[in-house]
């Protein structure tokens, strides 16, 4: 017997059901600030990969994107301060 992996939303903790409209997110770190925010529609094979966040819908997806954007903006602002010549 094959037991399906019980996915839970990484945003709110909701359990995945068959009819949900779930999303996958991968945060890819690169040499530039912030990296990349990669959003994909649900795919069972992709969902099993360890680098994926599982999100139950647009509300949780938007919340994660907002948090990521704020973190990236902060990193960029801090980098600008470090590059500014000090008197």
Protein backbone atom coordinates (compact mmCIF):
# COMPACT_ATOMS: atom_id res chain seq x y z
CA UNK A 1 0.00 0.00 0.00
CA UNK A 2 1.30 3.45 -0.94
CA UNK A 3 0.69 6.17 1.63
CA UNK A 4 0.38 9.68 0.19
CA UNK A 5 2.57 12.32 1.79
CA UNK A 6 0.37 14.60 3.89
CA UNK A 7 1.32 18.10 2.78
CA UNK A 8 0.67 21.07 5.03
CA UNK A 9 0.75 24.70 4.05
CA UNK A 10 4.02 26.35 5.08
CA UNK A 11 2.07 29.58 5.52
CA UNK A 12 -0.94 28.68 7.66
CA UNK A 13 -0.64 24.94 8.38
CA UNK A 14 -3.76 23.87 6.44
CA UNK A 15 -3.78 20.25 5.23
CA UNK A 16 -3.71 19.64 1.47
CA UNK A 17 -6.81 18.15 -0.08
CA UNK A 18 -7.42 17.03 -3.65
CA UNK A 19 -9.51 20.08 -4.67
CA UNK A 20 -7.21 22.78 -3.25
CA UNK A 21 -5.44 25.22 -5.57
CA UNK A 22 -1.98 24.97 -4.09
CA UNK A 23 1.29 26.62 -5.11
CA UNK A 24 4.95 25.74 -4.74
CA UNK A 25 7.69 28.25 -4.01
CA UNK A 26 11.42 27.86 -4.23
CA UNK A 27 13.76 30.52 -2.86
CA UNK A 28 16.93 30.37 -4.92
CA UNK A 29 19.97 32.12 -3.47
CA UNK A 30 22.29 33.67 -6.02
CA UNK A 31 25.33 35.89 -5.90
CA UNK A 32 23.13 38.99 -6.17
CA UNK A 33 21.04 40.30 -3.29
CA UNK A 34 17.82 38.49 -2.52
CA UNK A 35 18.18 35.66 -4.97
CA UNK A 36 15.02 34.59 -6.77
CA UNK A 37 11.45 33.87 -5.70
CA UNK A 38 10.21 31.10 -7.97
CA UNK A 39 6.47 30.38 -7.89
CA UNK A 40 5.02 27.28 -9.56
CA UNK A 41 1.54 25.77 -9.80
CA UNK A 42 1.21 22.54 -7.81
CA UNK A 43 3.04 19.54 -9.21
CA UNK A 44 3.30 16.30 -7.19
CA UNK A 45 6.86 15.57 -8.35
CA UNK A 46 8.09 19.10 -7.61
CA UNK A 47 6.29 19.12 -4.24
CA UNK A 48 8.37 16.17 -3.06
CA UNK A 49 11.64 18.08 -3.53
CA UNK A 50 13.18 19.34 -0.27
CA UNK A 51 13.68 22.94 -1.43
CA UNK A 52 9.98 23.64 -2.03
CA UNK A 53 7.55 25.55 0.16
CA UNK A 54 3.93 24.35 -0.05
CA UNK A 55 1.30 27.10 -0.02
CA UNK A 56 -2.46 26.50 0.11
CA UNK A 57 -3.60 29.44 -1.97
CA UNK A 58 -3.07 32.99 -3.08
CA UNK A 59 -3.35 34.50 0.40
CA UNK A 60 -0.43 32.44 1.74
CA UNK A 61 1.50 32.93 -1.51
CA UNK A 62 1.07 36.71 -1.32
CA UNK A 63 2.08 36.74 2.35
CA UNK A 64 5.28 34.81 1.59
CA UNK A 65 6.08 37.09 -1.36
CA UNK A 66 5.49 40.19 0.80
CA UNK A 67 7.82 38.86 3.52
CA UNK A 68 10.48 37.90 0.98
CA UNK A 69 10.23 41.32 -0.75
CA UNK A 70 10.63 43.14 2.55
CA UNK A 71 13.71 41.07 3.40
CA UNK A 72 15.26 41.72 -0.03
CA UNK A 73 14.55 45.47 0.23
CA UNK A 74 16.21 45.53 3.64
CA UNK A 75 19.27 43.69 2.27
CA UNK A 76 19.52 46.14 -0.64
CA UNK A 77 19.14 49.16 1.66
CA UNK A 78 21.84 47.80 3.99
CA UNK A 79 24.18 47.16 1.05
CA UNK A 80 23.68 50.76 -0.14
CA UNK A 81 24.55 52.07 3.33
CA UNK A 82 27.74 49.99 3.36
CA UNK A 83 28.73 51.36 -0.08
CA UNK A 84 28.09 54.99 0.86
CA UNK A 85 31.35 56.82 1.63
CA UNK A 86 31.49 57.94 5.24
CA UNK A 87 32.84 61.37 6.11
